[in-house]
Amino acid sequence: MAAYYIDSLPATVDTGPGSPTGMAYYDTLLFRPSTTLVFVADWALGHINAVKLERDGASYKAKVTPFLKGRRSM
């Protein structure tokens, strides 16, 4: 998505269409090798994504991996 204002920063990561409903920060030793994750819930797709943030200068870059996918019934 293009920035509309000159003082807008680009998105850290684009997850595509969806309906984000919540986030949780997780910092423990249970999930290796990354111990610091942000879990992002998406109501529209029924997913929970794990987002790993890495420093990139004064900002961050992110890698998104599916953590949990719900079953869709139609």
PDB file of N, CA and C in Angstrom:
ATOM      1  N   MET A   1       0.846  -1.174   0.000  1.00  0.00           N
ATOM      2  CA  MET A   1       0.000   0.000   0.000  1.00  0.00           C
ATOM      3  C   MET A   1       0.892   1.237   0.000  1.00  0.00           C
ATOM      4  N   ALA A   2       0.597   2.169  -0.842  1.00  0.00           N
ATOM      5  CA  ALA A   2       1.402   3.376  -0.963  1.00  0.00           C
ATOM      6  C   ALA A   2       1.092   4.349   0.171  1.00  0.00           C
ATOM      7  N   ALA A   3       2.119   5.029   0.638  1.00  0.00           N
ATOM      8  CA  ALA A   3       1.933   6.047   1.673  1.00  0.00           C
ATOM      9  C   ALA A   3       1.299   7.287   1.047  1.00  0.00           C
ATOM     10  N   TYR A   4       0.361   7.882   1.755  1.00  0.00           N
ATOM     11  CA  TYR A   4      -0.348   9.047   1.238  1.00  0.00           C
ATOM     12  C   TYR A   4       0.259  10.357   1.702  1.00  0.00           C
ATOM     13  N   TYR A   5       1.063  10.318   2.745  1.00  0.00           N
ATOM     14  CA  TYR A   5       1.656  11.539   3.284  1.00  0.00           C
ATOM     15  C   TYR A   5       3.169  11.390   3.317  1.00  0.00           C
ATOM     16  N   ILE A   6       3.858  12.489   3.147  1.00  0.00           N
ATOM     17  CA  ILE A   6       5.313  12.451   3.093  1.00  0.00           C
ATOM     18  C   ILE A   6       5.919  11.977   4.414  1.00  0.00           C
ATOM     19  N   ASP A   7       5.222  12.192   5.531  1.00  0.00           N
ATOM     20  CA  ASP A   7       5.767  11.797   6.825  1.00  0.00           C
ATOM     21  C   ASP A   7       5.306  10.396   7.255  1.00  0.00           C
ATOM     22  N   SER A   8       4.700   9.630   6.360  1.00  0.00           N
ATOM     23  CA  SER A   8       4.270   8.270   6.668  1.00  0.00           C
ATOM     24  C   SER A   8       5.410   7.282   6.440  1.00  0.00           C
ATOM     25  N   LEU A   9       5.529   6.326   7.330  1.00  0.00           N
ATOM     26  CA  LEU A   9       6.522   5.273   7.182  1.00  0.00           C
ATOM     27  C   LEU A   9       5.900   4.082   6.474  1.00  0.00           C
ATOM     28  N   PRO A  10       6.687   3.314   5.749  1.00  0.00           N
ATOM     29  CA  PRO A  10       6.135   2.112   5.107  1.00  0.00           C
ATOM     30  C   PRO A  10       5.781   1.054   6.158  1.00  0.00           C
ATOM     31  N   ALA A  11       4.917   0.134   5.788  1.00  0.00           N
ATOM     32  CA  ALA A  11       4.535  -0.942   6.695  1.00  0.00           C
ATOM     33  C   ALA A  11       5.732  -1.838   6.971  1.00  0.00           C
ATOM     34  N   THR A  12       5.800  -2.388   8.165  1.00  0.00           N
ATOM     35  CA  THR A  12       6.867  -3.315   8.507  1.00  0.00           C
ATOM     36  C   THR A  12       6.717  -4.608   7.723  1.00  0.00           C
ATOM     37  N   VAL A  13       5.477  -5.080   7.596  1.00  0.00           N
ATOM     38  CA  VAL A  13       5.185  -6.286   6.822  1.00  0.00           C
ATOM     39  C   VAL A  13       3.745  -6.195   6.323  1.00  0.00           C
ATOM     40  N   ASP A  14       3.506  -6.663   5.122  1.00  0.00           N
ATOM     41  CA  ASP A  14       2.165  -6.667   4.553  1.00  0.00           C
ATOM     42  C   ASP A  14       1.631  -8.089   4.604  1.00  0.00           C
ATOM     43  N   THR A  15       0.550  -8.296   5.342  1.00  0.00           N
ATOM     44  CA  THR A  15      -0.024  -9.636   5.474  1.00  0.00           C
ATOM     45  C   THR A  15      -1.188  -9.859   4.522  1.00  0.00           C
ATOM     46  N   GLY A  16      -1.502  -8.880   3.706  1.00  0.00           N
ATOM     47  CA  GLY A  16      -2.583  -9.029   2.746  1.00  0.00           C
ATOM     48  C   GLY A  16      -3.940  -8.727   3.353  1.00  0.00           C
ATOM     49  N   PRO A  17      -5.016  -9.104   2.642  1.00  0.00           N
ATOM     50  CA  PRO A  17      -6.354  -8.809   3.151  1.00  0.00           C
ATOM     51  C   PRO A  17      -6.667  -9.644   4.390  1.00  0.00           C
ATOM     52  N   GLY A  18      -7.507  -9.102   5.232  1.00  0.00           N
ATOM     53  CA  GLY A  18      -7.902  -9.799   6.451  1.00  0.00           C
ATOM     54  C   GLY A  18      -8.535  -8.835   7.424  1.00  0.00           C
ATOM     55  N   SER A  19      -8.746  -9.308   8.627  1.00  0.00           N
ATOM     56  CA  SER A  19      -9.355  -8.495   9.669  1.00  0.00           C
ATOM     57  C   SER A  19      -8.617  -8.750  10.982  1.00  0.00           C
ATOM     58  N   PRO A  20      -7.523  -8.013  11.224  1.00  0.00           N
ATOM     59  CA  PRO A  20      -6.772  -8.236  12.450  1.00  0.00           C
ATOM     60  C   PRO A  20      -7.598  -7.874  13.676  1.00  0.00           C
ATOM     61  N   THR A  21      -7.572  -8.742  14.670  1.00  0.00           N
ATOM     62  CA  THR A  21      -8.406  -8.529  15.849  1.00  0.00           C
ATOM     63  C   THR A  21      -7.643  -8.476  17.152  1.00  0.00           C
ATOM     64  N   GLY A  22      -6.392  -8.885  17.173  1.00  0.00           N
ATOM     65  CA  GLY A  22      -5.653  -8.835  18.422  1.00  0.00           C
ATOM     66  C   GLY A  22      -4.212  -9.237  18.235  1.00  0.00           C
ATOM     67  N   MET A  23      -3.398  -8.851  19.223  1.00  0.00           N
ATOM     68  CA  MET A  23      -1.977  -9.176  19.188  1.00  0.00           C
ATOM     69  C   MET A  23      -1.529  -9.561  20.586  1.00  0.00           C
ATOM     70  N   ALA A  24      -0.511 -10.418  20.659  1.00  0.00           N
ATOM     71  CA  ALA A  24       0.086 -10.785  21.939  1.00  0.00           C
ATOM     72  C   ALA A  24       1.590 -10.911  21.750  1.00  0.00           C
ATOM     73  N   TYR A  25       2.341 -10.330  22.674  1.00  0.00           N
ATOM     74  CA  TYR A  25       3.801 -10.403  22.648  1.00  0.00           C
ATOM     75  C   TYR A  25       4.227 -11.618  23.454  1.00  0.00           C
ATOM     76  N   TYR A  26       5.161 -12.399  22.923  1.00  0.00           N
ATOM     77  CA  TYR A  26       5.584 -13.642  23.555  1.00  0.00           C
ATOM     78  C   TYR A  26       7.101 -13.672  23.627  1.00  0.00           C
ATOM     79  N   ASP A  27       7.630 -13.813  24.835  1.00  0.00           N
ATOM     80  CA  ASP A  27       9.070 -13.835  25.027  1.00  0.00           C
ATOM     81  C   ASP A  27       9.411 -14.915  26.051  1.00  0.00           C
ATOM     82  N   THR A  28       9.689 -16.119  25.571  1.00  0.00           N
ATOM     83  CA  THR A  28      10.035 -17.237  26.453  1.00  0.00           C
ATOM     84  C   THR A  28      10.853 -18.257  25.682  1.00  0.00           C
ATOM     85  N   LEU A  29      11.187 -19.345  26.295  1.00  0.00           N
ATOM     86  CA  LEU A  29      12.059 -20.346  25.695  1.00  0.00           C
ATOM     87  C   LEU A  29      11.313 -21.510  25.052  1.00  0.00           C
ATOM     88  N   LEU A  30       9.986 -21.491  25.009  1.00  0.00           N
ATOM     89  CA  LEU A  30       9.227 -22.628  24.506  1.00  0.00           C
ATOM     90  C   LEU A  30       9.393 -22.845  23.001  1.00  0.00           C
ATOM     91  N   PHE A  31       9.319 -21.794  22.202  1.00  0.00           N
ATOM     92  CA  PHE A  31       9.428 -21.923  20.756  1.00  0.00           C
ATOM     93  C   PHE A  31      10.833 -21.538  20.309  1.00  0.00           C
ATOM     94  N   ARG A  32      11.585 -22.507  19.869  1.00  0.00           N
ATOM     95  CA  ARG A  32      12.952 -22.278  19.396  1.00  0.00           C
ATOM     96  C   ARG A  32      12.987 -22.249  17.877  1.00  0.00           C
ATOM     97  N   PRO A  33      13.888 -21.620  17.204  1.00  0.00           N
ATOM     98  CA  PRO A  33      15.019 -20.867  17.715  1.00  0.00           C
ATOM     99  C   PRO A  33      14.664 -19.437  18.106  1.00  0.00           C
ATOM    100  N   SER A  34      13.518 -18.939  17.670  1.00  0.00           N
ATOM    101  CA  SER A  34      13.133 -17.574  18.014  1.00  0.00           C
ATOM    102  C   SER A  34      12.354 -17.573  19.316  1.00  0.00           C
ATOM    103  N   THR A  35      12.782 -16.767  20.254  1.00  0.00           N
ATOM    104  CA  THR A  35      12.086 -16.714  21.529  1.00  0.00           C
ATOM    105  C   THR A  35      11.252 -15.458  21.687  1.00  0.00           C
ATOM    106  N   THR A  36      11.351 -14.532  20.772  1.00  0.00           N
ATOM    107  CA  THR A  36      10.556 -13.308  20.833  1.00  0.00           C
ATOM    108  C   THR A  36       9.663 -13.244  19.609  1.00  0.00           C
ATOM    109  N   LEU A  37       8.361 -13.372  19.833  1.00  0.00           N
ATOM    110  CA  LEU A  37       7.388 -13.377  18.742  1.00  0.00           C
ATOM    111  C   LEU A  37       6.231 -12.458  19.077  1.00  0.00           C
ATOM    112  N   VAL A  38       5.558 -11.996  18.045  1.00  0.00           N
ATOM    113  CA  VAL A  38       4.288 -11.300  18.199  1.00  0.00           C
ATOM    114  C   VAL A  38       3.256 -12.160  17.478  1.00  0.00           C
ATOM    115  N   PHE A  39       2.239 -12.592  18.205  1.00  0.00           N
ATOM    116  CA  PHE A  39       1.158 -13.365  17.606  1.00  0.00           C
ATOM    117  C   PHE A  39       0.049 -12.407  17.195  1.00  0.00           C
ATOM    118  N   VAL A  40      -0.405 -12.544  15.942  1.00  0.00           N
ATOM    119  CA  VAL A  40      -1.439 -11.656  15.403  1.00  0.00           C
ATOM    120  C   VAL A  40      -2.622 -12.495  14.965  1.00  0.00           C
ATOM    121  N   ALA A  41      -3.784 -12.230  15.546  1.00  0.00           N
ATOM    122  CA  ALA A  41      -5.002 -12.956  15.203  1.00  0.00           C
ATOM    123  C   ALA A  41      -5.712 -12.273  14.039  1.00  0.00           C
ATOM    124  N   ASP A  42      -6.254 -13.081  13.139  1.00  0.00           N
ATOM    125  CA  ASP A  42      -6.988 -12.574  11.988  1.00  0.00           C
ATOM    126  C   ASP A  42      -8.354 -13.250  11.955  1.00  0.00           C
ATOM    127  N   TRP A  43      -9.389 -12.492  12.262  1.00  0.00           N
ATOM    128  CA  TRP A  43     -10.734 -13.030  12.368  1.00  0.00           C
ATOM    129  C   TRP A  43     -11.282 -13.472  11.015  1.00  0.00           C
ATOM    130  N   ALA A  44     -11.061 -12.693   9.974  1.00  0.00           N
ATOM    131  CA  ALA A  44     -11.649 -12.976   8.662  1.00  0.00           C
ATOM    132  C   ALA A  44     -11.136 -14.290   8.076  1.00  0.00           C
ATOM    133  N   LEU A  45      -9.860 -14.578   8.243  1.00  0.00           N
ATOM    134  CA  LEU A  45      -9.272 -15.786   7.671  1.00  0.00           C
ATOM    135  C   LEU A  45      -9.199 -16.939   8.674  1.00  0.00           C
ATOM    136  N   GLY A  46      -9.418 -16.661   9.942  1.00  0.00           N
ATOM    137  CA  GLY A  46      -9.346 -17.697  10.966  1.00  0.00           C
ATOM    138  C   GLY A  46      -7.922 -18.162  11.222  1.00  0.00           C
ATOM    139  N   HIS A  47      -6.956 -17.247  11.156  1.00  0.00           N
ATOM    140  CA  HIS A  47      -5.548 -17.577  11.335  1.00  0.00           C
ATOM    141  C   HIS A  47      -4.982 -16.875  12.555  1.00  0.00           C
ATOM    142  N   ILE A  48      -3.931 -17.460  13.087  1.00  0.00           N
ATOM    143  CA  ILE A  48      -3.048 -16.767  14.015  1.00  0.00           C
ATOM    144  C   ILE A  48      -1.660 -16.859  13.401  1.00  0.00           C
ATOM    145  N   ASN A  49      -1.062 -15.710  13.141  1.00  0.00           N
ATOM    146  CA  ASN A  49       0.259 -15.649  12.537  1.00  0.00           C
ATOM    147  C   ASN A  49       1.300 -15.310  13.595  1.00  0.00           C
ATOM    148  N   ALA A  50       2.473 -15.920  13.469  1.00  0.00           N
ATOM    149  CA  ALA A  50       3.608 -15.586  14.323  1.00  0.00           C
ATOM    150  C   ALA A  50       4.508 -14.643  13.536  1.00  0.00           C
ATOM    151  N   VAL A  51       4.800 -13.503  14.127  1.00  0.00           N
ATOM    152  CA  VAL A  51       5.620 -12.490  13.466  1.00  0.00           C
ATOM    153  C   VAL A  51       6.937 -12.353  14.231  1.00  0.00           C
ATOM    154  N   LYS A  52       8.036 -12.587  13.536  1.00  0.00           N
ATOM    155  CA  LYS A  52       9.360 -12.421  14.135  1.00  0.00           C
ATOM    156  C   LYS A  52       9.928 -11.104  13.643  1.00  0.00           C
ATOM    157  N   LEU A  53      10.239 -10.214  14.571  1.00  0.00           N
ATOM    158  CA  LEU A  53      10.797  -8.906  14.237  1.00  0.00           C
ATOM    159  C   LEU A  53      12.310  -8.940  14.369  1.00  0.00           C
ATOM    160  N   GLU A  54      12.992  -8.319  13.417  1.00  0.00           N
ATOM    161  CA  GLU A  54      14.446  -8.194  13.447  1.00  0.00           C
ATOM    162  C   GLU A  54      14.819  -6.741  13.218  1.00  0.00           C
ATOM    163  N   ARG A  55      15.797  -6.280  13.955  1.00  0.00           N
ATOM    164  CA  ARG A  55      16.249  -4.896  13.788  1.00  0.00           C
ATOM    165  C   ARG A  55      16.768  -4.669  12.381  1.00  0.00           C
ATOM    166  N   ASP A  56      16.414  -3.506  11.836  1.00  0.00           N
ATOM    167  CA  ASP A  56      16.874  -3.096  10.508  1.00  0.00           C
ATOM    168  C   ASP A  56      17.181  -1.605  10.573  1.00  0.00           C
ATOM    169  N   GLY A  57      18.355  -1.271  11.077  1.00  0.00           N
ATOM    170  CA  GLY A  57      18.695   0.133  11.287  1.00  0.00           C
ATOM    171  C   GLY A  57      17.888   0.693  12.440  1.00  0.00           C
ATOM    172  N   ALA A  58      17.191   1.800  12.186  1.00  0.00           N
ATOM    173  CA  ALA A  58      16.369   2.425  13.217  1.00  0.00           C
ATOM    174  C   ALA A  58      14.953   1.862  13.241  1.00  0.00           C
ATOM    175  N   SER A  59      14.678   0.878  12.401  1.00  0.00           N
ATOM    176  CA  SER A  59      13.341   0.296  12.309  1.00  0.00           C
ATOM    177  C   SER A  59      13.446  -1.222  12.444  1.00  0.00           C
ATOM    178  N   TYR A  60      12.450  -1.925  11.938  1.00  0.00           N
ATOM    179  CA  TYR A  60      12.421  -3.378  11.991  1.00  0.00           C
ATOM    180  C   TYR A  60      11.992  -3.947  10.645  1.00  0.00           C
ATOM    181  N   LYS A  61      12.377  -5.175  10.391  1.00  0.00           N
ATOM    182  CA  LYS A  61      11.796  -5.948   9.304  1.00  0.00           C
ATOM    183  C   LYS A  61      11.165  -7.172   9.960  1.00  0.00           C
ATOM    184  N   ALA A  62      10.211  -7.772   9.281  1.00  0.00           N
ATOM    185  CA  ALA A  62       9.461  -8.848   9.910  1.00  0.00           C
ATOM    186  C   ALA A  62       9.305 -10.038   8.986  1.00  0.00           C
ATOM    187  N   LYS A  63       9.196 -11.209   9.590  1.00  0.00           N
ATOM    188  CA  LYS A  63       8.923 -12.441   8.863  1.00  0.00           C
ATOM    189  C   LYS A  63       7.660 -13.041   9.481  1.00  0.00           C
ATOM    190  N   VAL A  64       6.662 -13.305   8.637  1.00  0.00           N
ATOM    191  CA  VAL A  64       5.388 -13.838   9.103  1.00  0.00           C
ATOM    192  C   VAL A  64       5.287 -15.315   8.735  1.00  0.00           C
ATOM    193  N   THR A  65       4.930 -16.138   9.713  1.00  0.00           N
ATOM    194  CA  THR A  65       4.688 -17.555   9.464  1.00  0.00           C
ATOM    195  C   THR A  65       3.357 -17.938  10.100  1.00  0.00           C
ATOM    196  N   PRO A  66       2.568 -18.774   9.433  1.00  0.00           N
ATOM    197  CA  PRO A  66       1.309 -19.223  10.025  1.00  0.00           C
ATOM    198  C   PRO A  66       1.595 -20.052  11.279  1.00  0.00           C
ATOM    199  N   PHE A  67       0.894 -19.748  12.347  1.00  0.00           N
ATOM    200  CA  PHE A  67       1.054 -20.490  13.595  1.00  0.00           C
ATOM    201  C   PHE A  67      -0.118 -21.444  13.802  1.00  0.00           C
ATOM    202  N   LEU A  68      -1.314 -20.963  13.449  1.00  0.00           N
ATOM    203  CA  LEU A  68      -2.516 -21.756  13.629  1.00  0.00           C
ATOM    204  C   LEU A  68      -3.519 -21.358  12.569  1.00  0.00           C
ATOM    205  N   LYS A  69      -4.140 -22.330  11.917  1.00  0.00           N
ATOM    206  CA  LYS A  69      -5.181 -22.061  10.921  1.00  0.00           C
ATOM    207  C   LYS A  69      -6.457 -22.755  11.345  1.00  0.00           C
ATOM    208  N   GLY A  70      -7.539 -21.997  11.363  1.00  0.00           N
ATOM    209  CA  GLY A  70      -8.833 -22.547  11.713  1.00  0.00           C
ATOM    210  C   GLY A  70      -9.478 -23.246  10.536  1.00  0.00           C
ATOM    211  N   ARG A  71     -10.468 -24.052  10.824  1.00  0.00           N
ATOM    212  CA  ARG A  71     -11.206 -24.751   9.788  1.00  0.00           C
ATOM    213  C   ARG A  71     -12.364 -23.875   9.349  1.00  0.00           C
ATOM    214  N   ARG A  72     -12.511 -23.696   8.062  1.00  0.00           N
ATOM    215  CA  ARG A  72     -13.614 -22.894   7.509  1.00  0.00           C
ATOM    216  C   ARG A  72     -14.761 -23.800   7.171  1.00  0.00           C
ATOM    217  N   SER A  73     -15.945 -23.448   7.609  1.00  0.00           N
ATOM    218  CA  SER A  73     -17.137 -24.234   7.252  1.00  0.00           C
ATOM    219  C   SER A  73     -18.090 -23.338   6.505  1.00  0.00           C
ATOM    220  N   MET A  74     -18.580 -23.818   5.387  1.00  0.00           N
ATOM    221  CA  MET A  74     -19.515 -23.037   4.562  1.00  0.00           C
ATOM    222  C   MET A  74     -20.717 -23.886   4.239  1.00  0.00           C
TER     223      MET A  74
END
